[in-house]
Amino acid sequence: MRTIAQVISWLSLVLLLAPSVLFLMNRMPLETVKTTMTVATVVWFVSASLWMWNPKKQ
């Protein structure tokens, strides 16, 4: 579960960066950028809190 949450959180960070680059290249409209980045932010907060707040058991 921890590994899956880590992968999802890293992918959501990539999803936060990609729309802004696409917008600057005039490949994506502003409304789509806003929606995509909002969803990616929520996904990041959920997935990152799942693995960052629970220390790995030894």
PDB file of N, CA and C in Angstrom:
ATOM      1  N   MET A   1       0.820  -1.195   0.000  1.00  0.00           N
ATOM      2  CA  MET A   1       0.000   0.000   0.000  1.00  0.00           C
ATOM      3  C   MET A   1       0.866   1.261   0.000  1.00  0.00           C
ATOM      4  N   ARG A   2       1.933   1.219   0.783  1.00  0.00           N
ATOM      5  CA  ARG A   2       2.831   2.380   0.891  1.00  0.00           C
ATOM      6  C   ARG A   2       3.484   2.680  -0.462  1.00  0.00           C
ATOM      7  N   THR A   3       3.938   1.653  -1.148  1.00  0.00           N
ATOM      8  CA  THR A   3       4.602   1.846  -2.443  1.00  0.00           C
ATOM      9  C   THR A   3       3.632   2.401  -3.475  1.00  0.00           C
ATOM     10  N   ILE A   4       2.412   1.923  -3.473  1.00  0.00           N
ATOM     11  CA  ILE A   4       1.400   2.414  -4.408  1.00  0.00           C
ATOM     12  C   ILE A   4       1.113   3.890  -4.142  1.00  0.00           C
ATOM     13  N   ALA A   5       1.009   4.257  -2.879  1.00  0.00           N
ATOM     14  CA  ALA A   5       0.761   5.653  -2.525  1.00  0.00           C
ATOM     15  C   ALA A   5       1.929   6.541  -2.944  1.00  0.00           C
ATOM     16  N   GLN A   6       3.152   6.037  -2.818  1.00  0.00           N
ATOM     17  CA  GLN A   6       4.322   6.803  -3.249  1.00  0.00           C
ATOM     18  C   GLN A   6       4.310   7.034  -4.757  1.00  0.00           C
ATOM     19  N   VAL A   7       4.007   5.998  -5.511  1.00  0.00           N
ATOM     20  CA  VAL A   7       3.970   6.118  -6.969  1.00  0.00           C
ATOM     21  C   VAL A   7       2.880   7.107  -7.390  1.00  0.00           C
ATOM     22  N   ILE A   8       1.722   7.006  -6.781  1.00  0.00           N
ATOM     23  CA  ILE A   8       0.619   7.915  -7.115  1.00  0.00           C
ATOM     24  C   ILE A   8       0.993   9.359  -6.769  1.00  0.00           C
ATOM     25  N   SER A   9       1.654   9.568  -5.651  1.00  0.00           N
ATOM     26  CA  SER A   9       2.023  10.937  -5.273  1.00  0.00           C
ATOM     27  C   SER A   9       3.063  11.506  -6.234  1.00  0.00           C
ATOM     28  N   TRP A  10       4.016  10.713  -6.663  1.00  0.00           N
ATOM     29  CA  TRP A  10       5.012  11.201  -7.630  1.00  0.00           C
ATOM     30  C   TRP A  10       4.378  11.475  -8.986  1.00  0.00           C
ATOM     31  N   LEU A  11       3.455  10.622  -9.409  1.00  0.00           N
ATOM     32  CA  LEU A  11       2.768  10.861 -10.678  1.00  0.00           C
ATOM     33  C   LEU A  11       1.904  12.120 -10.627  1.00  0.00           C
ATOM     34  N   SER A  12       1.305  12.377  -9.485  1.00  0.00           N
ATOM     35  CA  SER A  12       0.491  13.585  -9.375  1.00  0.00           C
ATOM     36  C   SER A  12       1.358  14.842  -9.405  1.00  0.00           C
ATOM     37  N   LEU A  13       2.586  14.751  -8.900  1.00  0.00           N
ATOM     38  CA  LEU A  13       3.496  15.894  -9.009  1.00  0.00           C
ATOM     39  C   LEU A  13       3.876  16.157 -10.467  1.00  0.00           C
ATOM     40  N   VAL A  14       4.056  15.101 -11.228  1.00  0.00           N
ATOM     41  CA  VAL A  14       4.319  15.261 -12.660  1.00  0.00           C
ATOM     42  C   VAL A  14       3.099  15.871 -13.333  1.00  0.00           C
ATOM     43  N   LEU A  15       1.923  15.426 -12.914  1.00  0.00           N
ATOM     44  CA  LEU A  15       0.689  15.965 -13.472  1.00  0.00           C
ATOM     45  C   LEU A  15       0.490  17.434 -13.093  1.00  0.00           C
ATOM     46  N   LEU A  16       1.106  17.877 -12.031  1.00  0.00           N
ATOM     47  CA  LEU A  16       1.058  19.298 -11.679  1.00  0.00           C
ATOM     48  C   LEU A  16       1.979  20.132 -12.566  1.00  0.00           C
ATOM     49  N   LEU A  17       3.055  19.558 -13.002  1.00  0.00           N
ATOM     50  CA  LEU A  17       4.010  20.294 -13.820  1.00  0.00           C
ATOM     51  C   LEU A  17       3.625  20.321 -15.296  1.00  0.00           C
ATOM     52  N   ALA A  18       3.115  19.238 -15.798  1.00  0.00           N
ATOM     53  CA  ALA A  18       2.830  19.110 -17.236  1.00  0.00           C
ATOM     54  C   ALA A  18       1.835  20.148 -17.774  1.00  0.00           C
ATOM     55  N   PRO A  19       0.702  20.403 -17.122  1.00  0.00           N
ATOM     56  CA  PRO A  19      -0.242  21.376 -17.685  1.00  0.00           C
ATOM     57  C   PRO A  19       0.320  22.786 -17.816  1.00  0.00           C
ATOM     58  N   SER A  20       1.153  23.191 -16.869  1.00  0.00           N
ATOM     59  CA  SER A  20       1.711  24.534 -16.973  1.00  0.00           C
ATOM     60  C   SER A  20       2.658  24.646 -18.164  1.00  0.00           C
ATOM     61  N   VAL A  21       3.422  23.606 -18.414  1.00  0.00           N
ATOM     62  CA  VAL A  21       4.306  23.602 -19.580  1.00  0.00           C
ATOM     63  C   VAL A  21       3.481  23.585 -20.862  1.00  0.00           C
ATOM     64  N   LEU A  22       2.442  22.756 -20.891  1.00  0.00           N
ATOM     65  CA  LEU A  22       1.589  22.694 -22.075  1.00  0.00           C
ATOM     66  C   LEU A  22       0.871  24.020 -22.317  1.00  0.00           C
ATOM     67  N   PHE A  23       0.484  24.688 -21.247  1.00  0.00           N
ATOM     68  CA  PHE A  23      -0.160  25.993 -21.395  1.00  0.00           C
ATOM     69  C   PHE A  23       0.806  27.015 -21.986  1.00  0.00           C
ATOM     70  N   LEU A  24       2.049  27.000 -21.518  1.00  0.00           N
ATOM     71  CA  LEU A  24       3.034  27.936 -22.043  1.00  0.00           C
ATOM     72  C   LEU A  24       3.360  27.676 -23.511  1.00  0.00           C
ATOM     73  N   MET A  25       3.167  26.434 -23.939  1.00  0.00           N
ATOM     74  CA  MET A  25       3.395  26.081 -25.341  1.00  0.00           C
ATOM     75  C   MET A  25       2.127  26.261 -26.183  1.00  0.00           C
ATOM     76  N   ASN A  26       1.067  26.810 -25.578  1.00  0.00           N
ATOM     77  CA  ASN A  26      -0.232  27.020 -26.237  1.00  0.00           C
ATOM     78  C   ASN A  26      -0.847  25.712 -26.733  1.00  0.00           C
ATOM     79  N   ARG A  27      -0.705  24.660 -25.947  1.00  0.00           N
ATOM     80  CA  ARG A  27      -1.270  23.353 -26.298  1.00  0.00           C
ATOM     81  C   ARG A  27      -2.478  22.981 -25.439  1.00  0.00           C
ATOM     82  N   MET A  28      -2.721  23.777 -24.388  1.00  0.00           N
ATOM     83  CA  MET A  28      -3.819  23.462 -23.470  1.00  0.00           C
ATOM     84  C   MET A  28      -4.471  24.769 -23.027  1.00  0.00           C
ATOM     85  N   PRO A  29      -5.807  24.825 -23.037  1.00  0.00           N
ATOM     86  CA  PRO A  29      -6.486  26.053 -22.587  1.00  0.00           C
ATOM     87  C   PRO A  29      -6.390  26.225 -21.065  1.00  0.00           C
ATOM     88  N   LEU A  30      -6.539  27.455 -20.626  1.00  0.00           N
ATOM     89  CA  LEU A  30      -6.360  27.791 -19.214  1.00  0.00           C
ATOM     90  C   LEU A  30      -7.347  27.045 -18.309  1.00  0.00           C
ATOM     91  N   GLU A  31      -8.581  26.919 -18.721  1.00  0.00           N
ATOM     92  CA  GLU A  31      -9.578  26.230 -17.876  1.00  0.00           C
ATOM     93  C   GLU A  31      -9.206  24.767 -17.652  1.00  0.00           C
ATOM     94  N   THR A  32      -8.687  24.127 -18.672  1.00  0.00           N
ATOM     95  CA  THR A  32      -8.251  22.735 -18.532  1.00  0.00           C
ATOM     96  C   THR A  32      -7.049  22.639 -17.601  1.00  0.00           C
ATOM     97  N   VAL A  33      -6.157  23.604 -17.683  1.00  0.00           N
ATOM     98  CA  VAL A  33      -4.990  23.639 -16.792  1.00  0.00           C
ATOM     99  C   VAL A  33      -5.443  23.771 -15.344  1.00  0.00           C
ATOM    100  N   LYS A  34      -6.368  24.666 -15.093  1.00  0.00           N
ATOM    101  CA  LYS A  34      -6.864  24.878 -13.731  1.00  0.00           C
ATOM    102  C   LYS A  34      -7.510  23.611 -13.174  1.00  0.00           C
ATOM    103  N   THR A  35      -8.337  22.970 -13.975  1.00  0.00           N
ATOM    104  CA  THR A  35      -9.021  21.763 -13.526  1.00  0.00           C
ATOM    105  C   THR A  35      -8.031  20.637 -13.264  1.00  0.00           C
ATOM    106  N   THR A  36      -7.121  20.432 -14.194  1.00  0.00           N
ATOM    107  CA  THR A  36      -6.133  19.364 -14.058  1.00  0.00           C
ATOM    108  C   THR A  36      -5.258  19.572 -12.828  1.00  0.00           C
ATOM    109  N   MET A  37      -4.822  20.783 -12.619  1.00  0.00           N
ATOM    110  CA  MET A  37      -3.949  21.054 -11.484  1.00  0.00           C
ATOM    111  C   MET A  37      -4.687  20.972 -10.150  1.00  0.00           C
ATOM    112  N   THR A  38      -5.950  21.328 -10.136  1.00  0.00           N
ATOM    113  CA  THR A  38      -6.739  21.187  -8.907  1.00  0.00           C
ATOM    114  C   THR A  38      -6.907  19.722  -8.535  1.00  0.00           C
ATOM    115  N   VAL A  39      -7.242  18.904  -9.508  1.00  0.00           N
ATOM    116  CA  VAL A  39      -7.406  17.466  -9.254  1.00  0.00           C
ATOM    117  C   VAL A  39      -6.075  16.852  -8.830  1.00  0.00           C
ATOM    118  N   ALA A  40      -5.003  17.197  -9.505  1.00  0.00           N
ATOM    119  CA  ALA A  40      -3.693  16.656  -9.162  1.00  0.00           C
ATOM    120  C   ALA A  40      -3.255  17.073  -7.759  1.00  0.00           C
ATOM    121  N   THR A  41      -3.607  18.282  -7.352  1.00  0.00           N
ATOM    122  CA  THR A  41      -3.263  18.743  -6.007  1.00  0.00           C
ATOM    123  C   THR A  41      -3.990  17.923  -4.946  1.00  0.00           C
ATOM    124  N   VAL A  42      -5.259  17.691  -5.151  1.00  0.00           N
ATOM    125  CA  VAL A  42      -6.038  16.891  -4.200  1.00  0.00           C
ATOM    126  C   VAL A  42      -5.486  15.465  -4.130  1.00  0.00           C
ATOM    127  N   VAL A  43      -5.192  14.891  -5.283  1.00  0.00           N
ATOM    128  CA  VAL A  43      -4.638  13.532  -5.321  1.00  0.00           C
ATOM    129  C   VAL A  43      -3.301  13.492  -4.598  1.00  0.00           C
ATOM    130  N   TRP A  44      -2.462  14.511  -4.800  1.00  0.00           N
ATOM    131  CA  TRP A  44      -1.171  14.533  -4.122  1.00  0.00           C
ATOM    132  C   TRP A  44      -1.329  14.613  -2.611  1.00  0.00           C
ATOM    133  N   PHE A  45      -2.208  15.493  -2.122  1.00  0.00           N
ATOM    134  CA  PHE A  45      -2.390  15.620  -0.679  1.00  0.00           C
ATOM    135  C   PHE A  45      -2.883  14.315  -0.054  1.00  0.00           C
ATOM    136  N   VAL A  46      -3.774  13.643  -0.726  1.00  0.00           N
ATOM    137  CA  VAL A  46      -4.294  12.379  -0.185  1.00  0.00           C
ATOM    138  C   VAL A  46      -3.223  11.299  -0.215  1.00  0.00           C
ATOM    139  N   SER A  47      -2.593  11.119  -1.370  1.00  0.00           N
ATOM    140  CA  SER A  47      -1.628  10.023  -1.490  1.00  0.00           C
ATOM    141  C   SER A  47      -0.357  10.270  -0.684  1.00  0.00           C
ATOM    142  N   ALA A  48       0.107  11.498  -0.638  1.00  0.00           N
ATOM    143  CA  ALA A  48       1.328  11.786   0.121  1.00  0.00           C
ATOM    144  C   ALA A  48       1.086  11.640   1.625  1.00  0.00           C
ATOM    145  N   SER A  49      -0.089  12.006   2.073  1.00  0.00           N
ATOM    146  CA  SER A  49      -0.357  11.864   3.510  1.00  0.00           C
ATOM    147  C   SER A  49      -0.470  10.400   3.913  1.00  0.00           C
ATOM    148  N   LEU A  50      -0.828   9.536   2.985  1.00  0.00           N
ATOM    149  CA  LEU A  50      -0.916   8.112   3.302  1.00  0.00           C
ATOM    150  C   LEU A  50       0.449   7.502   3.598  1.00  0.00           C
ATOM    151  N   TRP A  51       1.473   7.934   2.907  1.00  0.00           N
ATOM    152  CA  TRP A  51       2.774   7.313   3.149  1.00  0.00           C
ATOM    153  C   TRP A  51       3.746   8.176   3.943  1.00  0.00           C
ATOM    154  N   MET A  52       3.537   9.479   4.009  1.00  0.00           N
ATOM    155  CA  MET A  52       4.460  10.313   4.771  1.00  0.00           C
ATOM    156  C   MET A  52       4.152  10.317   6.271  1.00  0.00           C
ATOM    157  N   TRP A  53       2.902  10.194   6.631  1.00  0.00           N
ATOM    158  CA  TRP A  53       2.533  10.273   8.037  1.00  0.00           C
ATOM    159  C   TRP A  53       2.617   8.941   8.747  1.00  0.00           C
ATOM    160  N   ASN A  54       2.737   7.862   7.994  1.00  0.00           N
ATOM    161  CA  ASN A  54       2.865   6.531   8.613  1.00  0.00           C
ATOM    162  C   ASN A  54       4.279   6.031   8.410  1.00  0.00           C
ATOM    163  N   PRO A  55       5.112   6.076   9.467  1.00  0.00           N
ATOM    164  CA  PRO A  55       6.488   5.616   9.306  1.00  0.00           C
ATOM    165  C   PRO A  55       6.524   4.128   8.973  1.00  0.00           C
ATOM    166  N   LYS A  56       7.504   3.771   8.193  1.00  0.00           N
ATOM    167  CA  LYS A  56       7.655   2.377   7.793  1.00  0.00           C
ATOM    168  C   LYS A  56       7.963   1.523   9.012  1.00  0.00           C
ATOM    169  N   LYS A  57       7.217   0.466   9.176  1.00  0.00           N
ATOM    170  CA  LYS A  57       7.410  -0.418  10.329  1.00  0.00           C
ATOM    171  C   LYS A  57       8.643  -1.282  10.111  1.00  0.00           C
ATOM    172  N   GLN A  58       9.421  -1.451  11.182  1.00  0.00           N
ATOM    173  CA  GLN A  58      10.649  -2.258  11.072  1.00  0.00           C
ATOM    174  C   GLN A  58      10.452  -3.615  11.654  1.00  0.00           C
TER     175      GLN A  58
END
